């Protein structure tokens, strides 16, 4: 008998959900984004190019290209997780003028599918779905996006801090406020103390360039 995969590479059944699987999120969101170099962007600009092999919840269909209807943005509900996600490959926080930290509160509640409870188990995967290979997560994200096209995004746990992440999908584009509560380069005096605290929480070194 062939063992069933703990987290199937693709959903094996039509996805279903109960009312309690959807949550309303109105809290602060954080993201670190590029403000210099070739791939600079805006604090509220969602990414339409994808899917990217290193990104876990990209909902873009194959092949890689511009998919305007399937924009995505990765955010965290705390700044330590935002730093941890961006700098996980080096396990050191690098302060530069090329990246910035943004924080904002959505102008309306976000409707999110909660992947931190038992939804994935009831749909044929396991509670560790958000730690599955990125290609597996992307396949699930595409199916979630197709099943609930009006959904603002997903709530999952960071593989770095195990704290909540919020992945925003295209319907969330109208949730951004006119301006962020914070949007400053990582070398700015308002951001450096946050970076230092995050580095302390993660016990990672902090570097300046």
N, C-alpha and C. Protein backbone atom coordinates (compact mmCIF):
# COMPACT_ATOMS: atom_id res chain seq x y z
N UNK A 1 0.84 -1.19 0.00
CA UNK A 1 0.00 0.00 0.00
C UNK A 1 0.87 1.25 0.00
N UNK A 2 0.55 2.18 -0.87
CA UNK A 2 1.31 3.43 -0.95
C UNK A 2 0.85 4.39 0.14
N UNK A 3 1.80 4.90 0.90
CA UNK A 3 1.47 5.82 1.98
C UNK A 3 0.97 7.14 1.41
N UNK A 4 -0.03 7.70 2.03
CA UNK A 4 -0.56 9.00 1.61
C UNK A 4 0.39 10.09 2.05
N UNK A 5 0.68 11.01 1.14
CA UNK A 5 1.58 12.11 1.47
C UNK A 5 0.97 12.96 2.59
N UNK A 6 1.83 13.35 3.52
CA UNK A 6 1.36 14.17 4.63
C UNK A 6 0.79 15.48 4.13
N UNK A 7 1.47 16.08 3.16
CA UNK A 7 1.01 17.31 2.53
C UNK A 7 1.07 17.11 1.02
N UNK A 8 -0.02 16.66 0.41
CA UNK A 8 -0.02 16.39 -1.03
C UNK A 8 0.46 17.60 -1.83
N UNK A 9 1.16 17.32 -2.90
CA UNK A 9 1.72 18.40 -3.72
C UNK A 9 0.63 19.26 -4.32
N UNK A 10 -0.56 18.71 -4.49
CA UNK A 10 -1.72 19.45 -4.95
C UNK A 10 -2.93 18.97 -4.18
N UNK A 11 -3.91 19.83 -3.96
CA UNK A 11 -5.13 19.37 -3.30
C UNK A 11 -5.76 18.22 -4.09
N UNK A 12 -6.22 17.20 -3.37
CA UNK A 12 -6.76 16.02 -4.03
C UNK A 12 -8.28 16.01 -4.06
N UNK A 13 -8.89 17.08 -3.67
CA UNK A 13 -10.34 17.13 -3.62
C UNK A 13 -10.76 18.59 -3.74
N UNK A 14 -11.99 18.87 -4.12
CA UNK A 14 -12.43 20.28 -4.09
C UNK A 14 -12.29 20.83 -2.68
N UNK A 15 -11.75 22.01 -2.57
CA UNK A 15 -11.53 22.61 -1.25
C UNK A 15 -12.85 23.02 -0.63
N UNK A 16 -12.95 22.82 0.68
CA UNK A 16 -14.13 23.22 1.42
C UNK A 16 -13.69 24.00 2.65
N UNK A 17 -14.63 24.73 3.23
CA UNK A 17 -14.32 25.52 4.43
C UNK A 17 -15.57 25.74 5.24
N UNK A 18 -15.38 25.90 6.53
CA UNK A 18 -16.45 26.28 7.44
C UNK A 18 -16.34 27.77 7.72
N UNK A 19 -17.40 28.34 8.23
CA UNK A 19 -17.37 29.78 8.52
C UNK A 19 -16.21 30.14 9.42
N UNK A 20 -15.89 29.28 10.37
CA UNK A 20 -14.84 29.60 11.34
C UNK A 20 -13.44 29.57 10.73
N UNK A 21 -13.31 29.04 9.50
CA UNK A 21 -12.01 29.02 8.84
C UNK A 21 -11.62 30.38 8.27
N UNK A 22 -12.59 31.29 8.21
CA UNK A 22 -12.33 32.64 7.69
C UNK A 22 -12.29 33.61 8.86
N UNK A 23 -11.26 34.41 8.92
CA UNK A 23 -11.15 35.37 10.01
C UNK A 23 -11.07 36.78 9.46
N UNK A 24 -11.41 37.72 10.31
CA UNK A 24 -11.35 39.14 9.97
C UNK A 24 -10.13 39.74 10.65
N UNK A 25 -9.27 40.36 9.87
CA UNK A 25 -8.04 40.92 10.41
C UNK A 25 -8.02 42.43 10.21
N UNK A 26 -7.81 43.17 11.30
CA UNK A 26 -7.78 44.63 11.25
C UNK A 26 -6.52 45.20 11.90
N UNK A 27 -5.56 44.34 12.19
CA UNK A 27 -4.36 44.78 12.90
C UNK A 27 -3.31 45.39 11.98
N UNK A 28 -2.19 45.78 12.58
CA UNK A 28 -1.08 46.36 11.84
C UNK A 28 -0.39 45.29 11.00
N UNK A 29 0.07 45.68 9.82
CA UNK A 29 0.84 44.82 8.95
C UNK A 29 2.21 45.45 8.72
N UNK A 30 3.23 44.60 8.60
CA UNK A 30 4.60 45.04 8.35
C UNK A 30 5.16 44.34 7.12
N UNK A 31 5.96 45.07 6.37
CA UNK A 31 6.71 44.43 5.29
C UNK A 31 8.00 45.20 5.07
N UNK A 32 9.01 44.49 4.60
CA UNK A 32 10.27 45.11 4.19
C UNK A 32 10.32 45.01 2.67
N UNK A 33 10.61 46.12 2.02
CA UNK A 33 10.56 46.17 0.56
C UNK A 33 11.74 46.97 0.02
N UNK A 34 11.99 46.81 -1.26
CA UNK A 34 13.13 47.46 -1.90
C UNK A 34 12.79 48.88 -2.33
N UNK A 35 13.65 49.82 -1.97
CA UNK A 35 13.49 51.21 -2.41
C UNK A 35 14.67 51.64 -3.27
N UNK A 36 15.59 50.72 -3.53
CA UNK A 36 16.75 51.00 -4.37
C UNK A 36 17.08 49.80 -5.22
N UNK A 37 17.87 50.01 -6.26
CA UNK A 37 18.25 48.92 -7.14
C UNK A 37 17.24 48.67 -8.24
N UNK A 38 17.40 47.56 -8.94
CA UNK A 38 16.59 47.25 -10.13
C UNK A 38 15.14 46.92 -9.79
N UNK A 39 14.92 46.34 -8.64
CA UNK A 39 13.58 45.85 -8.31
C UNK A 39 12.89 46.70 -7.24
N UNK A 40 13.17 47.98 -7.23
CA UNK A 40 12.54 48.84 -6.23
C UNK A 40 11.03 48.91 -6.48
N UNK A 41 10.31 49.15 -5.41
CA UNK A 41 8.86 49.15 -5.48
C UNK A 41 8.30 50.16 -4.49
N UNK A 42 6.99 50.22 -4.36
CA UNK A 42 6.33 51.10 -3.42
C UNK A 42 5.81 50.29 -2.24
N UNK A 43 5.57 50.96 -1.13
CA UNK A 43 5.18 50.24 0.08
C UNK A 43 3.87 49.48 -0.12
N UNK A 44 2.99 49.96 -0.98
CA UNK A 44 1.68 49.34 -1.16
C UNK A 44 1.57 48.57 -2.48
N UNK A 45 2.67 48.43 -3.18
CA UNK A 45 2.64 47.81 -4.51
C UNK A 45 2.71 46.30 -4.40
N UNK A 46 1.69 45.62 -4.89
CA UNK A 46 1.66 44.17 -4.89
C UNK A 46 2.41 43.65 -6.11
N UNK A 47 2.92 42.44 -6.00
CA UNK A 47 3.73 41.86 -7.09
C UNK A 47 2.86 41.05 -8.02
N UNK A 48 2.89 41.40 -9.31
CA UNK A 48 2.12 40.68 -10.31
C UNK A 48 2.99 39.67 -11.07
N UNK A 49 4.31 39.78 -10.94
CA UNK A 49 5.23 38.87 -11.63
C UNK A 49 5.41 37.61 -10.77
N UNK A 50 5.19 36.48 -11.39
CA UNK A 50 5.36 35.23 -10.65
C UNK A 50 4.83 34.05 -11.44
N UNK A 51 4.84 32.86 -10.84
CA UNK A 51 5.28 32.60 -9.48
C UNK A 51 6.80 32.52 -9.36
N UNK A 52 7.31 32.88 -8.17
CA UNK A 52 8.73 32.82 -7.89
C UNK A 52 9.04 31.57 -7.09
N UNK A 53 10.12 30.89 -7.45
CA UNK A 53 10.41 29.58 -6.85
C UNK A 53 10.67 29.67 -5.35
N UNK A 54 11.17 30.82 -4.87
CA UNK A 54 11.49 30.93 -3.45
C UNK A 54 10.31 31.42 -2.61
N UNK A 55 9.20 31.75 -3.25
CA UNK A 55 8.06 32.33 -2.52
C UNK A 55 6.98 31.28 -2.30
N UNK A 56 6.55 31.14 -1.07
CA UNK A 56 5.74 30.01 -0.65
C UNK A 56 4.29 30.07 -1.10
N UNK A 57 3.66 31.25 -1.05
CA UNK A 57 2.21 31.32 -1.28
C UNK A 57 1.84 32.10 -2.53
N UNK A 58 2.73 32.19 -3.50
CA UNK A 58 2.39 32.87 -4.75
C UNK A 58 1.19 32.18 -5.40
N UNK A 59 0.13 32.92 -5.73
CA UNK A 59 -1.04 32.32 -6.36
C UNK A 59 -1.00 32.37 -7.89
N UNK A 60 0.08 32.94 -8.46
CA UNK A 60 0.16 33.08 -9.91
C UNK A 60 0.14 31.73 -10.60
N UNK A 61 -0.55 31.63 -11.72
CA UNK A 61 -0.50 30.39 -12.51
C UNK A 61 0.83 30.29 -13.26
N UNK A 62 1.18 29.09 -13.67
CA UNK A 62 2.33 28.91 -14.56
C UNK A 62 1.91 29.28 -15.97
N UNK A 63 2.86 29.71 -16.83
CA UNK A 63 4.28 29.90 -16.57
C UNK A 63 4.56 31.24 -15.90
N UNK A 64 5.81 31.43 -15.52
CA UNK A 64 6.20 32.69 -14.89
C UNK A 64 5.96 33.85 -15.84
N UNK A 65 5.35 34.89 -15.32
CA UNK A 65 5.07 36.06 -16.13
C UNK A 65 4.28 37.06 -15.32
N UNK A 66 3.73 38.06 -15.99
CA UNK A 66 2.89 39.06 -15.34
C UNK A 66 1.46 38.53 -15.30
N UNK A 67 0.91 38.45 -14.09
CA UNK A 67 -0.46 37.98 -13.89
C UNK A 67 -1.18 39.03 -13.05
N UNK A 68 -1.75 40.00 -13.71
CA UNK A 68 -2.36 41.14 -13.03
C UNK A 68 -3.45 40.71 -12.05
N UNK A 69 -4.20 39.68 -12.38
CA UNK A 69 -5.33 39.26 -11.54
C UNK A 69 -4.89 38.47 -10.32
N UNK A 70 -3.61 38.13 -10.25
CA UNK A 70 -3.13 37.28 -9.15
C UNK A 70 -1.97 37.92 -8.41
N UNK A 71 -2.09 39.21 -8.15
CA UNK A 71 -1.06 39.92 -7.40
C UNK A 71 -0.94 39.37 -5.99
N UNK A 72 0.24 39.56 -5.40
CA UNK A 72 0.50 39.02 -4.06
C UNK A 72 1.40 39.97 -3.29
N UNK A 73 1.27 39.95 -1.98
CA UNK A 73 2.18 40.67 -1.09
C UNK A 73 2.30 39.89 0.21
N UNK A 74 3.55 39.72 0.68
CA UNK A 74 3.80 39.01 1.94
C UNK A 74 4.00 40.02 3.06
N UNK A 75 3.24 39.88 4.12
CA UNK A 75 3.33 40.78 5.26
C UNK A 75 3.37 39.96 6.55
N UNK A 76 3.72 40.63 7.63
CA UNK A 76 3.76 39.99 8.94
C UNK A 76 2.99 40.84 9.94
N UNK A 77 2.54 40.22 11.00
CA UNK A 77 1.81 40.96 12.02
C UNK A 77 2.73 41.51 13.11
N UNK A 78 4.05 41.29 12.98
CA UNK A 78 5.02 41.90 13.89
C UNK A 78 6.31 42.15 13.11
N UNK A 79 7.07 43.13 13.54
CA UNK A 79 8.25 43.52 12.76
C UNK A 79 9.39 42.53 12.87
N UNK A 80 9.48 41.79 13.97
CA UNK A 80 10.54 40.78 14.08
C UNK A 80 10.36 39.72 12.99
N UNK A 81 9.14 39.30 12.77
CA UNK A 81 8.88 38.31 11.72
C UNK A 81 9.19 38.88 10.34
N UNK A 82 8.86 40.16 10.12
CA UNK A 82 9.18 40.79 8.84
C UNK A 82 10.69 40.76 8.59
N UNK A 83 11.48 41.10 9.59
CA UNK A 83 12.94 41.03 9.45
C UNK A 83 13.40 39.58 9.26
N UNK A 84 12.84 38.67 10.04
CA UNK A 84 13.25 37.28 9.96
C UNK A 84 13.00 36.67 8.60
N UNK A 85 11.85 36.97 8.01
CA UNK A 85 11.52 36.42 6.71
C UNK A 85 12.46 36.94 5.63
N UNK A 86 12.78 38.21 5.66
CA UNK A 86 13.61 38.80 4.61
C UNK A 86 15.06 38.37 4.72
N UNK A 87 15.57 38.21 5.94
CA UNK A 87 16.99 37.93 6.12
C UNK A 87 17.27 36.49 6.56
N UNK A 88 16.33 35.59 6.35
CA UNK A 88 16.51 34.22 6.84
C UNK A 88 17.66 33.49 6.15
N UNK A 89 17.97 33.82 4.91
CA UNK A 89 19.02 33.08 4.21
C UNK A 89 20.40 33.36 4.78
N UNK A 90 20.63 34.57 5.30
CA UNK A 90 21.92 34.92 5.87
C UNK A 90 21.94 34.85 7.39
N UNK A 91 20.75 34.81 7.98
CA UNK A 91 20.61 34.81 9.45
C UNK A 91 21.40 35.96 10.07
N UNK A 92 21.33 37.10 9.39
CA UNK A 92 21.93 38.35 9.87
C UNK A 92 21.11 39.48 9.27
N UNK A 93 20.76 40.47 10.08
CA UNK A 93 19.98 41.61 9.60
C UNK A 93 20.93 42.67 9.07
N UNK A 94 20.79 42.99 7.81
CA UNK A 94 21.66 43.98 7.16
C UNK A 94 20.90 45.29 6.99
N UNK A 95 21.43 46.35 7.55
CA UNK A 95 20.82 47.68 7.44
C UNK A 95 21.40 48.40 6.24
N UNK A 96 20.54 48.78 5.32
CA UNK A 96 20.98 49.52 4.14
C UNK A 96 19.89 50.49 3.73
N UNK A 97 20.26 51.42 2.88
CA UNK A 97 19.29 52.39 2.37
C UNK A 97 18.48 51.82 1.21
N UNK A 98 18.82 50.62 0.76
CA UNK A 98 18.14 50.01 -0.38
C UNK A 98 16.85 49.30 0.01
N UNK A 99 16.66 49.04 1.30
CA UNK A 99 15.43 48.40 1.77
C UNK A 99 14.78 49.28 2.83
N UNK A 100 13.46 49.19 2.92
CA UNK A 100 12.72 49.99 3.87
C UNK A 100 11.71 49.12 4.61
N UNK A 101 11.33 49.56 5.79
CA UNK A 101 10.29 48.91 6.58
C UNK A 101 9.03 49.76 6.50
N UNK A 102 7.92 49.12 6.16
CA UNK A 102 6.62 49.81 6.14
C UNK A 102 5.69 49.16 7.15
N UNK A 103 4.83 49.98 7.73
CA UNK A 103 3.79 49.50 8.65
C UNK A 103 2.52 50.27 8.34
N UNK A 104 1.41 49.58 8.36
CA UNK A 104 0.12 50.24 8.10
C UNK A 104 -1.02 49.40 8.66
N UNK A 105 -2.16 50.04 8.83
CA UNK A 105 -3.37 49.35 9.26
C UNK A 105 -4.35 49.37 8.10
N UNK A 106 -4.88 48.22 7.70
CA UNK A 106 -5.83 48.19 6.58
C UNK A 106 -7.00 49.13 6.83
N UNK A 107 -7.49 49.75 5.77
CA UNK A 107 -8.61 50.69 5.91
C UNK A 107 -9.94 49.97 6.09
N UNK A 108 -9.95 48.67 5.90
CA UNK A 108 -11.12 47.84 6.14
C UNK A 108 -10.65 46.49 6.64
N UNK A 109 -11.49 45.73 7.34
CA UNK A 109 -11.08 44.40 7.78
C UNK A 109 -10.76 43.49 6.59
N UNK A 110 -9.71 42.70 6.74
CA UNK A 110 -9.33 41.74 5.71
C UNK A 110 -9.97 40.39 6.00
N UNK A 111 -10.52 39.77 4.98
CA UNK A 111 -11.09 38.43 5.12
C UNK A 111 -10.04 37.42 4.68
N UNK A 112 -9.56 36.63 5.64
CA UNK A 112 -8.44 35.72 5.42
C UNK A 112 -8.85 34.28 5.69
N UNK A 113 -8.29 33.37 4.91
CA UNK A 113 -8.42 31.95 5.21
C UNK A 113 -7.35 31.59 6.23
N UNK A 114 -7.75 31.02 7.35
CA UNK A 114 -6.83 30.73 8.45
C UNK A 114 -6.22 29.34 8.27
N UNK A 115 -4.93 29.30 7.96
CA UNK A 115 -4.23 28.03 7.79
C UNK A 115 -3.56 27.57 9.08
N UNK A 116 -3.78 28.28 10.19
CA UNK A 116 -3.10 27.94 11.44
C UNK A 116 -3.92 27.01 12.32
N UNK A 117 -5.13 26.66 11.88
CA UNK A 117 -5.99 25.77 12.67
C UNK A 117 -6.14 24.44 11.93
N UNK A 118 -7.32 23.90 11.83
CA UNK A 118 -7.51 22.55 11.28
C UNK A 118 -7.99 22.54 9.84
N UNK A 119 -8.05 23.71 9.18
CA UNK A 119 -8.55 23.72 7.80
C UNK A 119 -7.76 22.78 6.90
N UNK A 120 -6.43 22.83 6.99
CA UNK A 120 -5.61 22.00 6.09
C UNK A 120 -5.83 20.51 6.35
N UNK A 121 -6.03 20.13 7.61
CA UNK A 121 -6.27 18.73 7.94
C UNK A 121 -7.56 18.25 7.31
N UNK A 122 -8.60 19.08 7.38
CA UNK A 122 -9.91 18.70 6.82
C UNK A 122 -9.92 18.70 5.30
N UNK A 123 -8.86 19.25 4.71
CA UNK A 123 -8.78 19.27 3.25
C UNK A 123 -7.68 18.36 2.72
N UNK A 124 -7.29 17.38 3.52
CA UNK A 124 -6.40 16.33 3.03
C UNK A 124 -4.93 16.55 3.24
N UNK A 125 -4.55 17.62 3.95
CA UNK A 125 -3.14 17.86 4.24
C UNK A 125 -2.92 17.69 5.75
N UNK A 126 -2.00 18.44 6.31
CA UNK A 126 -1.73 18.36 7.75
C UNK A 126 -1.52 19.76 8.31
N UNK A 127 -1.37 19.83 9.60
CA UNK A 127 -1.14 21.11 10.24
C UNK A 127 0.20 21.72 9.89
N UNK A 128 1.06 20.95 9.23
CA UNK A 128 2.37 21.46 8.82
C UNK A 128 2.38 21.94 7.38
N UNK A 129 1.21 22.15 6.78
CA UNK A 129 1.16 22.58 5.39
C UNK A 129 1.96 23.85 5.16
N UNK A 130 1.92 24.79 6.10
CA UNK A 130 2.64 26.05 5.87
C UNK A 130 4.15 25.89 5.99
N UNK A 131 4.63 24.66 6.30
CA UNK A 131 6.06 24.38 6.29
C UNK A 131 6.43 23.39 5.19
N UNK A 132 5.48 23.08 4.32
CA UNK A 132 5.74 22.18 3.20
C UNK A 132 6.64 22.86 2.18
N UNK A 133 7.19 22.11 1.22
CA UNK A 133 8.00 22.75 0.18
C UNK A 133 7.24 23.89 -0.49
N UNK A 134 7.93 24.98 -0.84
CA UNK A 134 7.24 26.12 -1.45
C UNK A 134 6.41 25.75 -2.67
N UNK A 135 6.88 24.81 -3.49
CA UNK A 135 6.11 24.43 -4.68
C UNK A 135 4.76 23.83 -4.29
N UNK A 136 4.73 23.08 -3.19
CA UNK A 136 3.46 22.52 -2.70
C UNK A 136 2.54 23.63 -2.22
N UNK A 137 3.08 24.55 -1.44
CA UNK A 137 2.27 25.66 -0.94
C UNK A 137 1.72 26.50 -2.08
N UNK A 138 2.52 26.72 -3.11
CA UNK A 138 2.04 27.51 -4.25
C UNK A 138 0.87 26.82 -4.95
N UNK A 139 0.93 25.50 -5.08
CA UNK A 139 -0.18 24.77 -5.70
C UNK A 139 -1.45 24.92 -4.89
N UNK A 140 -1.32 24.86 -3.57
CA UNK A 140 -2.48 25.06 -2.70
C UNK A 140 -2.97 26.50 -2.79
N UNK A 141 -2.05 27.46 -2.87
CA UNK A 141 -2.46 28.87 -2.98
C UNK A 141 -3.24 29.11 -4.26
N UNK A 142 -2.81 28.50 -5.35
CA UNK A 142 -3.54 28.67 -6.61
C UNK A 142 -4.96 28.11 -6.50
N UNK A 143 -5.09 26.96 -5.85
CA UNK A 143 -6.41 26.35 -5.72
C UNK A 143 -7.30 27.16 -4.77
N UNK A 144 -6.71 27.68 -3.70
CA UNK A 144 -7.46 28.54 -2.77
C UNK A 144 -7.94 29.79 -3.50
N UNK A 145 -7.07 30.39 -4.28
CA UNK A 145 -7.42 31.60 -5.03
C UNK A 145 -8.56 31.31 -6.01
N UNK A 146 -8.52 30.15 -6.66
CA UNK A 146 -9.56 29.80 -7.63
C UNK A 146 -10.88 29.48 -6.94
N UNK A 147 -10.81 28.89 -5.74
CA UNK A 147 -12.02 28.47 -5.03
C UNK A 147 -12.73 29.65 -4.40
N UNK A 148 -11.97 30.59 -3.84
CA UNK A 148 -12.55 31.77 -3.20
C UNK A 148 -11.93 33.02 -3.81
N UNK A 149 -12.36 33.43 -5.02
CA UNK A 149 -11.70 34.53 -5.73
C UNK A 149 -11.82 35.89 -5.05
N UNK A 150 -12.76 36.05 -4.11
CA UNK A 150 -12.90 37.33 -3.42
C UNK A 150 -12.11 37.39 -2.12
N UNK A 151 -11.41 36.34 -1.79
CA UNK A 151 -10.66 36.27 -0.54
C UNK A 151 -9.50 37.26 -0.56
N UNK A 152 -9.30 37.98 0.55
CA UNK A 152 -8.21 38.95 0.64
C UNK A 152 -6.85 38.30 0.82
N UNK A 153 -6.81 37.06 1.31
CA UNK A 153 -5.52 36.41 1.48
C UNK A 153 -5.55 35.29 2.49
N UNK A 154 -4.36 34.97 3.00
CA UNK A 154 -4.17 33.84 3.90
C UNK A 154 -3.50 34.27 5.19
N UNK A 155 -3.82 33.57 6.25
CA UNK A 155 -3.07 33.69 7.50
C UNK A 155 -2.35 32.38 7.72
N UNK A 156 -1.04 32.42 7.81
CA UNK A 156 -0.23 31.23 8.04
C UNK A 156 0.81 31.56 9.10
N UNK A 157 1.65 30.60 9.41
CA UNK A 157 2.72 30.82 10.38
C UNK A 157 4.05 30.91 9.67
N UNK A 158 4.87 31.86 10.06
CA UNK A 158 6.21 32.02 9.52
C UNK A 158 7.04 30.78 9.81
N UNK A 159 7.79 30.31 8.83
CA UNK A 159 8.69 29.18 9.07
C UNK A 159 9.92 29.61 9.87
N UNK A 160 10.10 30.92 10.03
CA UNK A 160 11.24 31.44 10.80
C UNK A 160 10.87 31.62 12.26
N UNK A 161 9.80 32.35 12.54
CA UNK A 161 9.44 32.69 13.92
C UNK A 161 8.23 31.93 14.46
N UNK A 162 7.49 31.25 13.56
CA UNK A 162 6.23 30.60 13.92
C UNK A 162 5.20 31.59 14.45
N UNK A 163 5.35 32.84 14.03
CA UNK A 163 4.36 33.87 14.33
C UNK A 163 3.53 34.12 13.06
N UNK A 164 2.38 34.79 13.19
CA UNK A 164 1.48 34.92 12.04
C UNK A 164 2.06 35.76 10.90
N UNK A 165 1.80 35.25 9.70
CA UNK A 165 2.06 35.96 8.46
C UNK A 165 0.72 36.20 7.77
N UNK A 166 0.61 37.28 7.03
CA UNK A 166 -0.58 37.55 6.22
C UNK A 166 -0.12 37.71 4.78
N UNK A 167 -0.56 36.79 3.93
CA UNK A 167 -0.28 36.88 2.51
C UNK A 167 -1.49 37.50 1.84
N UNK A 168 -1.29 38.64 1.20
CA UNK A 168 -2.39 39.36 0.57
C UNK A 168 -2.53 38.98 -0.89
N UNK A 169 -3.77 38.79 -1.33
CA UNK A 169 -4.09 38.53 -2.72
C UNK A 169 -4.70 39.78 -3.35
N UNK A 170 -4.94 39.73 -4.65
CA UNK A 170 -5.40 40.91 -5.41
C UNK A 170 -6.62 41.62 -4.82
N UNK A 171 -7.63 40.91 -4.28
CA UNK A 171 -8.79 41.64 -3.73
C UNK A 171 -8.44 42.59 -2.59
N UNK A 172 -7.27 42.41 -1.97
CA UNK A 172 -6.87 43.28 -0.86
C UNK A 172 -6.34 44.62 -1.32
N UNK A 173 -6.23 44.84 -2.62
CA UNK A 173 -5.65 46.10 -3.11
C UNK A 173 -6.42 47.33 -2.64
N UNK A 174 -7.73 47.19 -2.41
CA UNK A 174 -8.50 48.36 -1.96
C UNK A 174 -8.48 48.53 -0.45
N UNK A 175 -7.66 47.73 0.25
CA UNK A 175 -7.61 47.83 1.71
C UNK A 175 -6.49 48.74 2.20
N UNK A 176 -5.60 49.17 1.30
CA UNK A 176 -4.48 49.99 1.72
C UNK A 176 -4.94 51.41 2.05
N UNK A 177 -4.44 51.98 3.14
CA UNK A 177 -4.78 53.37 3.46
C UNK A 177 -4.05 54.32 2.51
N UNK A 178 -4.38 55.59 2.62
CA UNK A 178 -3.74 56.58 1.75
C UNK A 178 -2.24 56.66 1.98
N UNK A 179 -1.84 56.41 3.21
CA UNK A 179 -0.41 56.43 3.53
C UNK A 179 -0.12 55.49 4.67
N UNK A 180 1.12 55.01 4.78
CA UNK A 180 1.49 54.11 5.87
C UNK A 180 1.76 54.88 7.16
N UNK A 181 1.70 54.19 8.27
CA UNK A 181 2.08 54.81 9.54
C UNK A 181 3.61 54.90 9.66
N UNK A 182 4.30 54.03 8.91
CA UNK A 182 5.77 54.06 8.87
C UNK A 182 6.22 53.59 7.50
N UNK A 183 7.16 54.29 6.93
CA UNK A 183 7.80 53.85 5.69
C UNK A 183 9.15 54.55 5.61
N UNK A 184 10.17 53.86 6.13
CA UNK A 184 11.50 54.45 6.22
C UNK A 184 12.56 53.40 5.89
N UNK A 185 13.67 53.87 5.34
CA UNK A 185 14.79 52.98 5.04
C UNK A 185 15.29 52.32 6.33
N UNK A 186 15.88 51.15 6.17
CA UNK A 186 16.33 50.41 7.35
C UNK A 186 17.42 51.14 8.12
N UNK A 187 18.06 52.11 7.50
CA UNK A 187 19.10 52.88 8.20
C UNK A 187 18.53 54.10 8.90
N UNK A 188 17.23 54.34 8.76
CA UNK A 188 16.61 55.52 9.37
C UNK A 188 16.57 55.37 10.89
N UNK A 189 16.68 56.49 11.59
CA UNK A 189 16.72 56.45 13.05
C UNK A 189 15.43 55.89 13.66
N UNK A 190 14.32 55.94 12.93
CA UNK A 190 13.08 55.38 13.46
C UNK A 190 13.02 53.87 13.31
N UNK A 191 13.82 53.32 12.42
CA UNK A 191 13.78 51.88 12.12
C UNK A 191 14.90 51.12 12.82
N UNK A 192 16.06 51.75 12.98
CA UNK A 192 17.21 51.05 13.55
C UNK A 192 16.88 50.40 14.90
N UNK A 193 16.20 51.09 15.85
CA UNK A 193 15.89 50.42 17.12
C UNK A 193 15.02 49.17 16.94
N UNK A 194 14.13 49.19 15.96
CA UNK A 194 13.29 48.01 15.70
C UNK A 194 14.15 46.87 15.15
N UNK A 195 15.08 47.21 14.28
CA UNK A 195 15.97 46.20 13.73
C UNK A 195 16.85 45.60 14.82
N UNK A 196 17.32 46.44 15.72
CA UNK A 196 18.15 45.96 16.83
C UNK A 196 17.34 45.03 17.73
N UNK A 197 16.10 45.38 18.02
CA UNK A 197 15.25 44.53 18.85
C UNK A 197 14.97 43.21 18.16
N UNK A 198 14.70 43.25 16.84
CA UNK A 198 14.46 42.02 16.09
C UNK A 198 15.69 41.12 16.11
N UNK A 199 16.86 41.72 15.91
CA UNK A 199 18.10 40.95 15.94
C UNK A 199 18.32 40.31 17.29
N UNK A 200 17.96 41.04 18.36
CA UNK A 200 18.08 40.48 19.70
C UNK A 200 17.10 39.32 19.90
N UNK A 201 15.86 39.49 19.43
CA UNK A 201 14.87 38.42 19.57
C UNK A 201 15.31 37.15 18.84
N UNK A 202 15.91 37.33 17.66
CA UNK A 202 16.31 36.19 16.84
C UNK A 202 17.71 35.69 17.18
N UNK A 203 18.44 36.49 17.96
CA UNK A 203 19.85 36.21 18.27
C UNK A 203 20.67 36.10 16.99
N UNK A 204 20.43 37.06 16.11
CA UNK A 204 21.19 37.19 14.88
C UNK A 204 22.06 38.44 14.97
N UNK A 205 23.19 38.46 14.26
CA UNK A 205 23.99 39.69 14.21
C UNK A 205 23.29 40.74 13.36
N UNK A 206 23.72 41.97 13.56
CA UNK A 206 23.18 43.07 12.77
C UNK A 206 24.36 43.76 12.07
N UNK A 207 24.17 44.03 10.78
CA UNK A 207 25.24 44.60 9.98
C UNK A 207 24.77 45.88 9.32
N UNK A 208 25.72 46.74 9.00
CA UNK A 208 25.46 47.98 8.27
C UNK A 208 26.28 48.00 6.99
N UNK A 209 25.68 48.52 5.94
CA UNK A 209 26.41 48.64 4.66
C UNK A 209 26.35 50.08 4.21
